[in-house]
Amino acid sequence: QVQMVESGGGLVQAGGSLRLSCRAPGLGLTFSTYHMGWFRQVPGKEREFVGSINWSGERTFYADAAKGRFTVSRDDAKNTVILQMSGLKPEDTAVYCCAAGRSVQAADRWQTYDYWGQGTQVTVSS
């Protein structure tokens, strides 16, 4: 199993910002060939796509709920993908997980990703 570790979650007030990081040391030098995504999940609900970035970093994809507020970026030298979140709302409260996929045909479909982190909790208070 490939190790992927998220960090940066926490409690923030509505309107605030958080920066989530996902480090994937287990991917080694192949990290730069992976499409990297962020998903979130609330108990009892379906896993939800947030945003992703392709292997080259040239293309990003966002859910409608994330557009204009969230930004996905990557640092291949550190095997890290970042989710910068601003203008947070209580409905953004969830466990946020990063994912890596080698052949991602549809960025918003969790089934196309190969490896997952354990997730980090984000709680937005009103």
Foldseek 3Di string as FASTA:
>chain_A
DWAKAKDWADEEAAQAKIKMKIATVSCPLCLLLKKKFKWWDDPPDDIWGAKIAHSPRPDIDGDPVNPPFWDWGDDSVRRMIMIIGGNDDQVVWTWMKMFIANDDPDRTDPVRTDDIHPTDTHGYHD
